Amino acid sequence: MGWRMPSETAAHERTWMAFPREGYTLGQTGAKREEGYAAWCATAHAISEFEPVTMVVDPSELSRARRMLSAQIELVVAPLDEFWMRDFGPTFVVDDARPEALGAVTWTFNGWGDQEWAQWQDSARIGAQVAELAGAAPISSPLVTEGGGLHVDGQGTVLLTETVQLDPRRNPGANQASVEAELARTIGATHAIWLPRGLTRDYDEFGTNGHVDIVATMPSPGRVLLHTQQAGEHPDYEVSNQLRALLTNATDANGHPLEVIDLPAPATLRDSDGYLDWSYVNHLVVNGGVVACAFAEPAADARAAEILQDAYPGRQVVAVDARPIFARGGGVHCITQQQPRVGRAGV
């Protein structure tokens, strides 16, 4: 089949999410847990203003989900342990020769490289369940990766990082050629741009070992939004410079040079655990809008919203406070997964 992963800017049927459940990732105190629940719900409600949202809920959290979420959010009950839908959920694909066809790639998920803290056995089965609920043809893959580990432009270009797909805890013995062959088979990627690494905090305890969706994304063919750390004392200052130099000299699947657009980081550099990875790159494009991360920094949040507005003309940019999500290891993009619309005109 000629499967292709469309750009996130293509029309969506809905967004999928997973409701948090008690455990190590959510928080060890009542206050911390409530903070996490509230952040996931705020994100769901923001998205639901633009398109339908379906939330997968563990049976133990069903009553809480019903209480905290509006009736506009569809609930699906299934066993969960982790709740980062981008990573263990399916990556949806389309077939240009069959406009009604929807496919769902179910990557092999092993808890971000079998992290010691991760509870992932239940969530590893969610991709296939979501695919079935969506009426998508299942496309299983032996590649151990996550949805946050790749970004596409919808025209054959894929962004990824060496420290994720080539992670020996994920894919021992893999090389760039073998990964690219599998991505061509599953998502129609014909040209890979390999970044050497992700942001510094992403290699800490709750990190993913360098997901690309926190550092760079392609809002349209030939353009890249790059997380830019402007403070010289932050270790990501050098990371940003390294990635900018690589991307500036890269081309897309059509052979066109990339325009690199800086998306500056917030001014806050550290928390009690070290240097932060707060990033505006980790946003979700929805039908008619963009759901962005905010960090309680009015000037920086406004600057990011303006850049996103320019990058996605005609879409309304709204923001949710992403600090509680980042404290648990990700952002708005990490907790969501878009299902493209098939068989009818887009928006």
C-alpha atoms as a PDB file:
ATOM      1  CA  MET A   1       0.000   0.000   0.000  1.00  0.00           C
ATOM      2  CA  GLY A   2       1.097   3.584  -0.622  1.00  0.00           C
ATOM      3  CA  TRP A   3       0.778   4.768   2.961  1.00  0.00           C
ATOM      4  CA  ARG A   4       1.817   8.332   3.765  1.00  0.00           C
ATOM      5  CA  MET A   5       1.806  10.221   7.023  1.00  0.00           C
ATOM      6  CA  PRO A   6       0.162  13.581   6.291  1.00  0.00           C
ATOM      7  CA  SER A   7       1.328  16.842   7.736  1.00  0.00           C
ATOM      8  CA  GLU A   8      -0.203  17.807  11.062  1.00  0.00           C
ATOM      9  CA  THR A   9      -1.746  20.764   9.221  1.00  0.00           C
ATOM     10  CA  ALA A  10      -3.955  18.411   7.169  1.00  0.00           C
ATOM     11  CA  ALA A  11      -7.586  18.181   8.275  1.00  0.00           C
ATOM     12  CA  HIS A  12      -8.235  16.074  11.386  1.00  0.00           C
ATOM     13  CA  GLU A  13     -11.102  13.756  12.184  1.00  0.00           C
ATOM     14  CA  ARG A  14     -10.262  14.036  15.882  1.00  0.00           C
ATOM     15  CA  THR A  15      -7.484  14.140  18.457  1.00  0.00           C
ATOM     16  CA  TRP A  16      -6.783  11.188  20.752  1.00  0.00           C
ATOM     17  CA  MET A  17      -5.533  11.569  24.329  1.00  0.00           C
ATOM     18  CA  ALA A  18      -5.068   9.399  27.420  1.00  0.00           C
ATOM     19  CA  PHE A  19      -6.300  10.431  30.847  1.00  0.00           C
ATOM     20  CA  PRO A  20      -3.660  10.373  33.620  1.00  0.00           C
ATOM     21  CA  ARG A  21      -3.757   7.672  36.255  1.00  0.00           C
ATOM     22  CA  GLU A  22      -2.109   7.462  39.630  1.00  0.00           C
ATOM     23  CA  GLY A  23       1.502   6.337  39.606  1.00  0.00           C
ATOM     24  CA  TYR A  24       5.088   7.512  39.639  1.00  0.00           C
ATOM     25  CA  THR A  25       4.787   9.816  36.632  1.00  0.00           C
ATOM     26  CA  LEU A  26       1.675  11.663  37.798  1.00  0.00           C
ATOM     27  CA  GLY A  27       3.027  12.645  41.228  1.00  0.00           C
ATOM     28  CA  GLN A  28       3.424  11.366  44.746  1.00  0.00           C
ATOM     29  CA  THR A  29       1.215  13.882  46.572  1.00  0.00           C
ATOM     30  CA  GLY A  30      -2.446  14.763  46.195  1.00  0.00           C
ATOM     31  CA  ALA A  31      -1.576  18.291  45.124  1.00  0.00           C
ATOM     32  CA  LYS A  32       0.850  17.077  42.481  1.00  0.00           C
ATOM     33  CA  ARG A  33      -1.656  14.597  41.110  1.00  0.00           C
ATOM     34  CA  GLU A  34      -4.408  17.215  40.916  1.00  0.00           C
ATOM     35  CA  GLU A  35      -2.019  19.520  39.055  1.00  0.00           C
ATOM     36  CA  GLY A  36      -1.426  16.808  36.469  1.00  0.00           C
ATOM     37  CA  TYR A  37      -5.084  15.947  36.002  1.00  0.00           C
ATOM     38  CA  ALA A  38      -5.936  19.629  35.571  1.00  0.00           C
ATOM     39  CA  ALA A  39      -3.254  20.177  32.898  1.00  0.00           C
ATOM     40  CA  TRP A  40      -4.420  17.210  30.807  1.00  0.00           C
ATOM     41  CA  CYS A  41      -8.043  18.364  31.087  1.00  0.00           C
ATOM     42  CA  ALA A  42      -7.189  21.942  30.147  1.00  0.00           C
ATOM     43  CA  THR A  43      -5.434  20.670  27.029  1.00  0.00           C
ATOM     44  CA  ALA A  44      -8.394  18.465  26.079  1.00  0.00           C
ATOM     45  CA  HIS A  45     -10.860  21.313  26.531  1.00  0.00           C
ATOM     46  CA  ALA A  46      -8.716  23.683  24.453  1.00  0.00           C
ATOM     47  CA  ILE A  47      -8.558  21.162  21.591  1.00  0.00           C
ATOM     48  CA  SER A  48     -12.285  20.407  21.795  1.00  0.00           C
ATOM     49  CA  GLU A  49     -13.042  23.989  20.783  1.00  0.00           C
ATOM     50  CA  PHE A  50     -11.601  23.112  17.372  1.00  0.00           C
ATOM     51  CA  GLU A  51     -12.231  19.398  16.814  1.00  0.00           C
ATOM     52  CA  PRO A  52     -13.530  16.262  18.562  1.00  0.00           C
ATOM     53  CA  VAL A  53     -11.416  14.721  21.324  1.00  0.00           C
ATOM     54  CA  THR A  54     -11.489  11.074  22.355  1.00  0.00           C
ATOM     55  CA  MET A  55      -9.909  10.288  25.731  1.00  0.00           C
ATOM     56  CA  VAL A  56      -8.746   6.780  26.644  1.00  0.00           C
ATOM     57  CA  VAL A  57      -9.340   6.283  30.372  1.00  0.00           C
ATOM     58  CA  ASP A  58      -8.133   3.552  32.706  1.00  0.00           C
ATOM     59  CA  PRO A  59     -11.068   1.949  34.604  1.00  0.00           C
ATOM     60  CA  SER A  60      -9.632   3.227  37.889  1.00  0.00           C
ATOM     61  CA  GLU A  61      -9.932   6.837  36.685  1.00  0.00           C
ATOM     62  CA  LEU A  62     -13.306   6.745  34.943  1.00  0.00           C
ATOM     63  CA  SER A  63     -15.291   8.529  37.648  1.00  0.00           C
ATOM     64  CA  ARG A  64     -12.665  11.278  37.893  1.00  0.00           C
ATOM     65  CA  ALA A  65     -12.566  11.701  34.126  1.00  0.00           C
ATOM     66  CA  ARG A  66     -16.337  12.046  33.984  1.00  0.00           C
ATOM     67  CA  ARG A  67     -16.192  14.655  36.729  1.00  0.00           C
ATOM     68  CA  MET A  68     -13.336  16.723  35.289  1.00  0.00           C
ATOM     69  CA  LEU A  69     -14.031  16.552  31.566  1.00  0.00           C
ATOM     70  CA  SER A  70     -16.904  18.174  29.738  1.00  0.00           C
ATOM     71  CA  ALA A  71     -19.514  16.019  28.041  1.00  0.00           C
ATOM     72  CA  GLN A  72     -17.980  17.181  24.761  1.00  0.00           C
ATOM     73  CA  ILE A  73     -15.026  14.813  25.341  1.00  0.00           C
ATOM     74  CA  GLU A  74     -15.699  11.216  24.278  1.00  0.00           C
ATOM     75  CA  LEU A  75     -14.415   8.628  26.777  1.00  0.00           C
ATOM     76  CA  VAL A  76     -13.108   5.159  25.906  1.00  0.00           C
ATOM     77  CA  VAL A  77     -12.252   2.772  28.734  1.00  0.00           C
ATOM     78  CA  ALA A  78      -9.116   0.633  28.460  1.00  0.00           C
ATOM     79  CA  PRO A  79      -6.284  -0.398  30.821  1.00  0.00           C
ATOM     80  CA  LEU A  80      -3.536   2.229  30.947  1.00  0.00           C
ATOM     81  CA  ASP A  81      -0.345   2.739  32.868  1.00  0.00           C
ATOM     82  CA  GLU A  82       1.344   5.681  31.097  1.00  0.00           C
ATOM     83  CA  PHE A  83      -0.658   8.466  29.465  1.00  0.00           C
ATOM     84  CA  TRP A  84       1.494   9.968  26.706  1.00  0.00           C
ATOM     85  CA  MET A  85      -0.736   9.221  23.722  1.00  0.00           C
ATOM     86  CA  ARG A  86       1.696  10.630  21.176  1.00  0.00           C
ATOM     87  CA  ASP A  87       4.200   7.955  22.069  1.00  0.00           C
ATOM     88  CA  PHE A  88       2.284   4.719  22.520  1.00  0.00           C
ATOM     89  CA  GLY A  89      -0.702   5.595  20.341  1.00  0.00           C
ATOM     90  CA  PRO A  90      -0.767   4.823  16.622  1.00  0.00           C
ATOM     91  CA  THR A  91       0.654   7.046  13.925  1.00  0.00           C
ATOM     92  CA  PHE A  92      -2.135   7.486  11.392  1.00  0.00           C
ATOM     93  CA  VAL A  93      -1.441   7.344   7.657  1.00  0.00           C
ATOM     94  CA  VAL A  94      -3.424   7.829   4.454  1.00  0.00           C
ATOM     95  CA  ASP A  95      -3.238   6.438   0.914  1.00  0.00           C
ATOM     96  CA  ASP A  96      -3.481   8.996  -1.885  1.00  0.00           C
ATOM     97  CA  ALA A  97      -4.696   6.325  -4.321  1.00  0.00           C
ATOM     98  CA  ARG A  98      -7.570   5.386  -1.986  1.00  0.00           C
ATOM     99  CA  PRO A  99      -9.090   8.554  -0.511  1.00  0.00           C
ATOM    100  CA  GLU A 100     -11.280   6.603   1.944  1.00  0.00           C
ATOM    101  CA  ALA A 101      -8.393   4.554   3.360  1.00  0.00           C
ATOM    102  CA  LEU A 102      -7.002   5.164   6.843  1.00  0.00           C
ATOM    103  CA  GLY A 103      -4.064   3.229   8.239  1.00  0.00           C
ATOM    104  CA  ALA A 104      -2.528   3.177  11.705  1.00  0.00           C
ATOM    105  CA  VAL A 105       1.108   2.327  12.331  1.00  0.00           C
ATOM    106  CA  THR A 106       1.579   0.633  15.688  1.00  0.00           C
ATOM    107  CA  TRP A 107       5.216   1.052  16.588  1.00  0.00           C
ATOM    108  CA  THR A 108       6.773  -1.285  19.096  1.00  0.00           C
ATOM    109  CA  PHE A 109       6.672   0.555  22.429  1.00  0.00           C
ATOM    110  CA  ASN A 110       8.982  -0.392  25.294  1.00  0.00           C
ATOM    111  CA  GLY A 111       8.672   2.554  27.652  1.00  0.00           C
ATOM    112  CA  TRP A 112      11.170   4.889  25.966  1.00  0.00           C
ATOM    113  CA  GLY A 113      13.927   2.316  26.020  1.00  0.00           C
ATOM    114  CA  ASP A 114      12.603   0.317  28.996  1.00  0.00           C
ATOM    115  CA  GLN A 115      13.149   3.169  31.436  1.00  0.00           C
ATOM    116  CA  GLU A 116      13.376   1.954  35.030  1.00  0.00           C
ATOM    117  CA  TRP A 117      10.499   4.171  36.202  1.00  0.00           C
ATOM    118  CA  ALA A 118       8.180   3.536  33.258  1.00  0.00           C
ATOM    119  CA  GLN A 119       5.042   1.403  33.504  1.00  0.00           C
ATOM    120  CA  TRP A 120       4.271   0.600  29.901  1.00  0.00           C
ATOM    121  CA  GLN A 121       2.937  -2.911  29.342  1.00  0.00           C
ATOM    122  CA  ASP A 122      -0.733  -1.835  29.260  1.00  0.00           C
ATOM    123  CA  SER A 123      -0.071   1.251  27.172  1.00  0.00           C
ATOM    124  CA  ALA A 124       1.887  -0.809  24.629  1.00  0.00           C
ATOM    125  CA  ARG A 125      -1.432  -2.377  23.599  1.00  0.00           C
ATOM    126  CA  ILE A 126      -3.299   0.916  23.167  1.00  0.00           C
ATOM    127  CA  GLY A 127      -2.057   1.602  19.651  1.00  0.00           C
ATOM    128  CA  ALA A 128      -3.825  -1.451  18.240  1.00  0.00           C
ATOM    129  CA  GLN A 129      -6.984  -0.696  20.228  1.00  0.00           C
ATOM    130  CA  VAL A 130      -7.130   2.904  19.032  1.00  0.00           C
ATOM    131  CA  ALA A 131      -6.532   1.755  15.451  1.00  0.00           C
ATOM    132  CA  GLU A 132      -9.505  -0.591  15.686  1.00  0.00           C
ATOM    133  CA  LEU A 133     -11.745   2.058  17.242  1.00  0.00           C
ATOM    134  CA  ALA A 134     -10.776   4.491  14.480  1.00  0.00           C
ATOM    135  CA  GLY A 135     -11.573   1.924  11.796  1.00  0.00           C
ATOM    136  CA  ALA A 136      -7.993   2.075  10.535  1.00  0.00           C
ATOM    137  CA  ALA A 137      -6.080  -0.698   8.831  1.00  0.00           C
ATOM    138  CA  PRO A 138      -3.406  -1.898  11.286  1.00  0.00           C
ATOM    139  CA  ILE A 139       0.210  -1.611  10.166  1.00  0.00           C
ATOM    140  CA  SER A 140       2.456  -3.264  12.723  1.00  0.00           C
ATOM    141  CA  SER A 141       6.111  -2.305  12.910  1.00  0.00           C
ATOM    142  CA  PRO A 142       9.055  -3.943  14.675  1.00  0.00           C
ATOM    143  CA  LEU A 143      10.706  -0.537  14.978  1.00  0.00           C
ATOM    144  CA  VAL A 144      10.876   0.568  18.609  1.00  0.00           C
ATOM    145  CA  THR A 145      10.066   4.245  18.511  1.00  0.00           C
ATOM    146  CA  GLU A 146       7.409   6.732  19.550  1.00  0.00           C
ATOM    147  CA  GLY A 147       5.267   9.297  17.788  1.00  0.00           C
ATOM    148  CA  GLY A 148       7.218  12.076  19.485  1.00  0.00           C
ATOM    149  CA  GLY A 149      10.356  10.761  17.851  1.00  0.00           C
ATOM    150  CA  LEU A 150       9.437  11.924  14.351  1.00  0.00           C
ATOM    151  CA  HIS A 151       7.953  14.873  12.487  1.00  0.00           C
ATOM    152  CA  VAL A 152       6.964  14.981   8.810  1.00  0.00           C
ATOM    153  CA  ASP A 153       6.117  17.615   6.222  1.00  0.00           C
ATOM    154  CA  GLY A 154       3.564  15.369   4.494  1.00  0.00           C
ATOM    155  CA  GLN A 155       5.642  15.323   1.296  1.00  0.00           C
ATOM    156  CA  GLY A 156       8.197  12.674   2.165  1.00  0.00           C
ATOM    157  CA  THR A 157      10.503  14.487   4.591  1.00  0.00           C
ATOM    158  CA  VAL A 158      10.923  13.148   8.121  1.00  0.00           C
ATOM    159  CA  LEU A 159      12.830  14.738  11.003  1.00  0.00           C
ATOM    160  CA  LEU A 160      14.258  12.369  13.611  1.00  0.00           C
ATOM    161  CA  THR A 161      17.131  12.071  16.088  1.00  0.00           C
ATOM    162  CA  GLU A 162      19.971   9.585  16.210  1.00  0.00           C
ATOM    163  CA  THR A 163      19.600   9.134  19.963  1.00  0.00           C
ATOM    164  CA  VAL A 164      16.024   7.821  19.685  1.00  0.00           C
ATOM    165  CA  GLN A 165      15.734   5.531  16.677  1.00  0.00           C
ATOM    166  CA  LEU A 166      19.357   4.351  17.008  1.00  0.00           C
ATOM    167  CA  ASP A 167      19.117   3.960  20.794  1.00  0.00           C
ATOM    168  CA  PRO A 168      20.514   0.481  21.638  1.00  0.00           C
ATOM    169  CA  ARG A 169      17.850   0.170  24.363  1.00  0.00           C
ATOM    170  CA  ARG A 170      15.239   0.533  21.640  1.00  0.00           C
ATOM    171  CA  ASN A 171      16.729  -0.887  18.448  1.00  0.00           C
ATOM    172  CA  PRO A 172      20.015  -2.694  19.053  1.00  0.00           C
ATOM    173  CA  GLY A 173      21.888  -3.220  15.823  1.00  0.00           C
ATOM    174  CA  ALA A 174      19.813  -0.705  13.854  1.00  0.00           C
ATOM    175  CA  ASN A 175      21.438   1.799  11.520  1.00  0.00           C
ATOM    176  CA  GLN A 176      20.164   4.777   9.584  1.00  0.00           C
ATOM    177  CA  ALA A 177      19.517   2.726   6.453  1.00  0.00           C
ATOM    178  CA  SER A 178      17.398   0.126   8.255  1.00  0.00           C
ATOM    179  CA  VAL A 179      15.372   2.782  10.076  1.00  0.00           C
ATOM    180  CA  GLU A 180      14.814   4.752   6.874  1.00  0.00           C
ATOM    181  CA  ALA A 181      13.628   1.627   5.063  1.00  0.00           C
ATOM    182  CA  GLU A 182      11.030   0.953   7.760  1.00  0.00           C
ATOM    183  CA  LEU A 183       9.867   4.572   7.752  1.00  0.00           C
ATOM    184  CA  ALA A 184       9.491   4.427   3.969  1.00  0.00           C
ATOM    185  CA  ARG A 185       7.336   1.298   4.303  1.00  0.00           C
ATOM    186  CA  THR A 186       5.140   2.572   7.118  1.00  0.00           C
ATOM    187  CA  ILE A 187       4.782   6.355   6.756  1.00  0.00           C
ATOM    188  CA  GLY A 188       5.996   6.967   3.197  1.00  0.00           C
ATOM    189  CA  ALA A 189       9.123   8.871   4.226  1.00  0.00           C
ATOM    190  CA  THR A 190      11.505   9.209   1.296  1.00  0.00           C
ATOM    191  CA  HIS A 191      14.023  11.617   2.809  1.00  0.00           C
ATOM    192  CA  ALA A 192      15.278  11.601   6.415  1.00  0.00           C
ATOM    193  CA  ILE A 193      16.950  14.495   8.173  1.00  0.00           C
ATOM    194  CA  TRP A 194      18.852  13.069  11.122  1.00  0.00           C
ATOM    195  CA  LEU A 195      19.477  15.404  14.036  1.00  0.00           C
ATOM    196  CA  PRO A 196      22.320  14.254  16.281  1.00  0.00           C
ATOM    197  CA  ARG A 197      20.426  14.847  19.532  1.00  0.00           C
ATOM    198  CA  GLY A 198      17.567  16.526  21.364  1.00  0.00           C
ATOM    199  CA  LEU A 199      17.425  18.940  24.302  1.00  0.00           C
ATOM    200  CA  THR A 200      19.552  18.424  27.394  1.00  0.00           C
ATOM    201  CA  ARG A 201      16.751  17.827  29.919  1.00  0.00           C
ATOM    202  CA  ASP A 202      15.362  15.105  27.680  1.00  0.00           C
ATOM    203  CA  TYR A 203      18.271  12.883  28.724  1.00  0.00           C
ATOM    204  CA  ASP A 204      17.388  13.105  32.423  1.00  0.00           C
ATOM    205  CA  GLU A 205      15.253  10.703  34.467  1.00  0.00           C
ATOM    206  CA  PHE A 206      11.895  11.436  32.834  1.00  0.00           C
ATOM    207  CA  GLY A 207      13.426  12.066  29.419  1.00  0.00           C
ATOM    208  CA  THR A 208      12.882  10.268  26.135  1.00  0.00           C
ATOM    209  CA  ASN A 209      16.542  10.386  25.070  1.00  0.00           C
ATOM    210  CA  GLY A 210      15.978  13.122  22.519  1.00  0.00           C
ATOM    211  CA  HIS A 211      12.506  13.332  20.996  1.00  0.00           C
ATOM    212  CA  VAL A 212      12.419  15.613  17.985  1.00  0.00           C
ATOM    213  CA  ASP A 213       8.971  17.064  18.766  1.00  0.00           C
ATOM    214  CA  ILE A 214      10.390  19.224  21.529  1.00  0.00           C
ATOM    215  CA  VAL A 215      13.173  20.703  19.424  1.00  0.00           C
ATOM    216  CA  ALA A 216      12.052  21.080  15.793  1.00  0.00           C
ATOM    217  CA  THR A 217       8.961  20.784  13.606  1.00  0.00           C
ATOM    218  CA  MET A 218       7.966  21.553  10.010  1.00  0.00           C
ATOM    219  CA  PRO A 219       4.946  23.888   9.833  1.00  0.00           C
ATOM    220  CA  SER A 220       4.979  23.664   6.028  1.00  0.00           C
ATOM    221  CA  PRO A 221       7.219  22.103   3.369  1.00  0.00           C
ATOM    222  CA  GLY A 222      10.615  23.751   3.271  1.00  0.00           C
ATOM    223  CA  ARG A 223      10.287  25.449   6.687  1.00  0.00           C
ATOM    224  CA  VAL A 224      11.468  24.362  10.144  1.00  0.00           C
ATOM    225  CA  LEU A 225      10.583  25.882  13.497  1.00  0.00           C
ATOM    226  CA  LEU A 226      13.624  25.406  15.748  1.00  0.00           C
ATOM    227  CA  HIS A 227      13.712  25.642  19.539  1.00  0.00           C
ATOM    228  CA  THR A 228      16.268  28.363  20.193  1.00  0.00           C
ATOM    229  CA  GLN A 229      17.940  28.794  23.552  1.00  0.00           C
ATOM    230  CA  GLN A 230      19.407  32.290  23.678  1.00  0.00           C
ATOM    231  CA  ALA A 231      21.039  32.139  27.117  1.00  0.00           C
ATOM    232  CA  GLY A 232      24.690  31.241  26.716  1.00  0.00           C
ATOM    233  CA  GLU A 233      24.912  29.539  30.106  1.00  0.00           C
ATOM    234  CA  HIS A 234      22.197  27.028  29.253  1.00  0.00           C
ATOM    235  CA  PRO A 235      23.565  23.795  27.700  1.00  0.00           C
ATOM    236  CA  ASP A 236      20.883  23.974  25.000  1.00  0.00           C
ATOM    237  CA  TYR A 237      22.492  27.160  23.678  1.00  0.00           C
ATOM    238  CA  GLU A 238      25.118  25.003  21.972  1.00  0.00           C
ATOM    239  CA  VAL A 239      22.512  22.418  20.991  1.00  0.00           C
ATOM    240  CA  SER A 240      20.448  25.083  19.234  1.00  0.00           C
ATOM    241  CA  ASN A 241      23.491  26.380  17.374  1.00  0.00           C
ATOM    242  CA  GLN A 242      24.502  22.875  16.303  1.00  0.00           C
ATOM    243  CA  LEU A 243      21.029  22.008  15.044  1.00  0.00           C
ATOM    244  CA  ARG A 244      20.583  25.332  13.265  1.00  0.00           C
ATOM    245  CA  ALA A 245      23.847  24.802  11.353  1.00  0.00           C
ATOM    246  CA  LEU A 246      22.745  21.302  10.326  1.00  0.00           C
ATOM    247  CA  LEU A 247      19.231  22.323   9.283  1.00  0.00           C
ATOM    248  CA  THR A 248      20.425  25.398   7.391  1.00  0.00           C
ATOM    249  CA  ASN A 249      22.491  23.112   5.176  1.00  0.00           C
ATOM    250  CA  ALA A 250      19.798  20.454   4.787  1.00  0.00           C
ATOM    251  CA  THR A 251      17.250  19.962   2.011  1.00  0.00           C
ATOM    252  CA  ASP A 252      13.765  18.453   2.025  1.00  0.00           C
ATOM    253  CA  ALA A 253      12.428  15.519  -0.002  1.00  0.00           C
ATOM    254  CA  ASN A 254      11.939  17.830  -2.981  1.00  0.00           C
ATOM    255  CA  GLY A 255      15.556  18.976  -2.852  1.00  0.00           C
ATOM    256  CA  HIS A 256      14.698  22.442  -1.572  1.00  0.00           C
ATOM    257  CA  PRO A 257      16.816  24.163   1.112  1.00  0.00           C
ATOM    258  CA  LEU A 258      15.140  24.595   4.478  1.00  0.00           C
ATOM    259  CA  GLU A 259      14.177  27.953   5.922  1.00  0.00           C
ATOM    260  CA  VAL A 260      14.961  27.792   9.640  1.00  0.00           C
ATOM    261  CA  ILE A 261      12.743  29.928  11.877  1.00  0.00           C
ATOM    262  CA  ASP A 262      13.898  30.473  15.447  1.00  0.00           C
ATOM    263  CA  LEU A 263      11.318  29.883  18.173  1.00  0.00           C
ATOM    264  CA  PRO A 264      13.018  31.340  21.268  1.00  0.00           C
ATOM    265  CA  ALA A 265      12.820  29.522  24.590  1.00  0.00           C
ATOM    266  CA  PRO A 266      11.231  31.151  27.644  1.00  0.00           C
ATOM    267  CA  ALA A 267      13.498  33.206  29.892  1.00  0.00           C
ATOM    268  CA  THR A 268      13.281  30.835  32.868  1.00  0.00           C
ATOM    269  CA  LEU A 269      16.334  28.604  32.711  1.00  0.00           C
ATOM    270  CA  ARG A 270      16.230  26.318  35.748  1.00  0.00           C
ATOM    271  CA  ASP A 271      14.063  24.625  38.305  1.00  0.00           C
ATOM    272  CA  SER A 272      15.082  22.650  41.399  1.00  0.00           C
ATOM    273  CA  ASP A 273      16.190  19.730  39.209  1.00  0.00           C
ATOM    274  CA  GLY A 274      18.406  21.654  36.800  1.00  0.00           C
ATOM    275  CA  TYR A 275      18.176  23.279  33.391  1.00  0.00           C
ATOM    276  CA  LEU A 276      14.691  23.300  31.876  1.00  0.00           C
ATOM    277  CA  ASP A 277      13.588  22.192  28.418  1.00  0.00           C
ATOM    278  CA  TRP A 278      10.491  24.402  28.183  1.00  0.00           C
ATOM    279  CA  SER A 279       9.778  24.599  24.476  1.00  0.00           C
ATOM    280  CA  TYR A 280       7.163  26.293  22.306  1.00  0.00           C
ATOM    281  CA  VAL A 281       7.965  23.825  19.517  1.00  0.00           C
ATOM    282  CA  ASN A 282       5.882  21.220  21.358  1.00  0.00           C
ATOM    283  CA  HIS A 283       2.517  22.524  20.117  1.00  0.00           C
ATOM    284  CA  LEU A 284      -0.395  20.774  18.405  1.00  0.00           C
ATOM    285  CA  VAL A 285      -1.904  21.938  15.121  1.00  0.00           C
ATOM    286  CA  VAL A 286      -5.695  21.422  15.064  1.00  0.00           C
ATOM    287  CA  ASN A 287      -8.510  22.239  12.640  1.00  0.00           C
ATOM    288  CA  GLY A 288      -8.410  25.998  12.335  1.00  0.00           C
ATOM    289  CA  GLY A 289      -6.030  26.484  15.227  1.00  0.00           C
ATOM    290  CA  VAL A 290      -2.826  25.809  17.123  1.00  0.00           C
ATOM    291  CA  VAL A 291      -2.810  24.715  20.757  1.00  0.00           C
ATOM    292  CA  ALA A 292       0.435  26.110  22.127  1.00  0.00           C
ATOM    293  CA  CYS A 293       2.402  25.740  25.334  1.00  0.00           C
ATOM    294  CA  ALA A 294       2.541  28.674  27.739  1.00  0.00           C
ATOM    295  CA  PHE A 295       4.897  29.086  30.682  1.00  0.00           C
ATOM    296  CA  ALA A 296       3.492  32.031  32.694  1.00  0.00           C
ATOM    297  CA  GLU A 297       5.933  34.411  30.989  1.00  0.00           C
ATOM    298  CA  PRO A 298       3.718  36.992  29.280  1.00  0.00           C
ATOM    299  CA  ALA A 299       6.371  38.486  27.008  1.00  0.00           C
ATOM    300  CA  ALA A 300       7.869  35.170  25.900  1.00  0.00           C
ATOM    301  CA  ASP A 301       4.463  33.507  25.541  1.00  0.00           C
ATOM    302  CA  ALA A 302       3.221  36.394  23.393  1.00  0.00           C
ATOM    303  CA  ARG A 303       6.340  36.353  21.216  1.00  0.00           C
ATOM    304  CA  ALA A 304       5.929  32.605  20.643  1.00  0.00           C
ATOM    305  CA  ALA A 305       2.245  33.015  19.794  1.00  0.00           C
ATOM    306  CA  GLU A 306       3.139  35.656  17.201  1.00  0.00           C
ATOM    307  CA  ILE A 307       5.732  33.392  15.575  1.00  0.00           C
ATOM    308  CA  LEU A 308       3.283  30.487  15.526  1.00  0.00           C
ATOM    309  CA  GLN A 309       0.598  32.714  14.032  1.00  0.00           C
ATOM    310  CA  ASP A 310       2.973  33.648  11.204  1.00  0.00           C
ATOM    311  CA  ALA A 311       3.977  29.998  10.708  1.00  0.00           C
ATOM    312  CA  TYR A 312       0.357  28.824  10.537  1.00  0.00           C
ATOM    313  CA  PRO A 313      -1.541  31.635   8.804  1.00  0.00           C
ATOM    314  CA  GLY A 314      -5.298  31.594   9.159  1.00  0.00           C
ATOM    315  CA  ARG A 315      -5.280  29.544  12.367  1.00  0.00           C
ATOM    316  CA  GLN A 316      -6.163  30.785  15.829  1.00  0.00           C
ATOM    317  CA  VAL A 317      -3.387  30.305  18.387  1.00  0.00           C
ATOM    318  CA  VAL A 318      -4.518  29.437  21.908  1.00  0.00           C
ATOM    319  CA  ALA A 319      -2.278  28.430  24.790  1.00  0.00           C
ATOM    320  CA  VAL A 320      -2.459  26.224  27.865  1.00  0.00           C
ATOM    321  CA  ASP A 321      -0.140  26.310  30.861  1.00  0.00           C
ATOM    322  CA  ALA A 322       2.273  23.517  29.980  1.00  0.00           C
ATOM    323  CA  ARG A 323       4.493  23.722  33.059  1.00  0.00           C
ATOM    324  CA  PRO A 324       2.784  20.792  34.822  1.00  0.00           C
ATOM    325  CA  ILE A 325       3.085  18.687  31.669  1.00  0.00           C
ATOM    326  CA  PHE A 326       6.768  19.485  31.224  1.00  0.00           C
ATOM    327  CA  ALA A 327       7.387  18.674  34.888  1.00  0.00           C
ATOM    328  CA  ARG A 328       6.232  15.140  34.039  1.00  0.00           C
ATOM    329  CA  GLY A 329       8.355  14.790  30.938  1.00  0.00           C
ATOM    330  CA  GLY A 330       6.666  16.394  27.927  1.00  0.00           C
ATOM    331  CA  GLY A 331       4.307  18.990  26.523  1.00  0.00           C
ATOM    332  CA  VAL A 332       1.057  19.500  24.627  1.00  0.00           C
ATOM    333  CA  HIS A 333       2.235  17.592  21.557  1.00  0.00           C
ATOM    334  CA  CYS A 334       3.421  14.674  23.683  1.00  0.00           C
ATOM    335  CA  ILE A 335      -0.014  13.990  25.191  1.00  0.00           C
ATOM    336  CA  THR A 336      -1.995  14.161  21.942  1.00  0.00           C
ATOM    337  CA  GLN A 337      -2.239  12.251  18.661  1.00  0.00           C
ATOM    338  CA  GLN A 338      -4.129  13.522  15.629  1.00  0.00           C
ATOM    339  CA  GLN A 339      -6.274  11.302  13.394  1.00  0.00           C
ATOM    340  CA  PRO A 340      -6.416  12.689   9.852  1.00  0.00           C
ATOM    341  CA  ARG A 341      -9.719  13.079   8.074  1.00  0.00           C
ATOM    342  CA  VAL A 342     -10.156  10.887   5.021  1.00  0.00           C
ATOM    343  CA  GLY A 343     -12.703  10.711   2.243  1.00  0.00           C
ATOM    344  CA  ARG A 344     -13.888  14.317   2.255  1.00  0.00           C
ATOM    345  CA  ALA A 345     -12.620  17.844   1.795  1.00  0.00           C
ATOM    346  CA  GLY A 346     -10.180  19.257   4.335  1.00  0.00           C
ATOM    347  CA  VAL A 347     -10.177  22.514   6.249  1.00  0.00           C
END
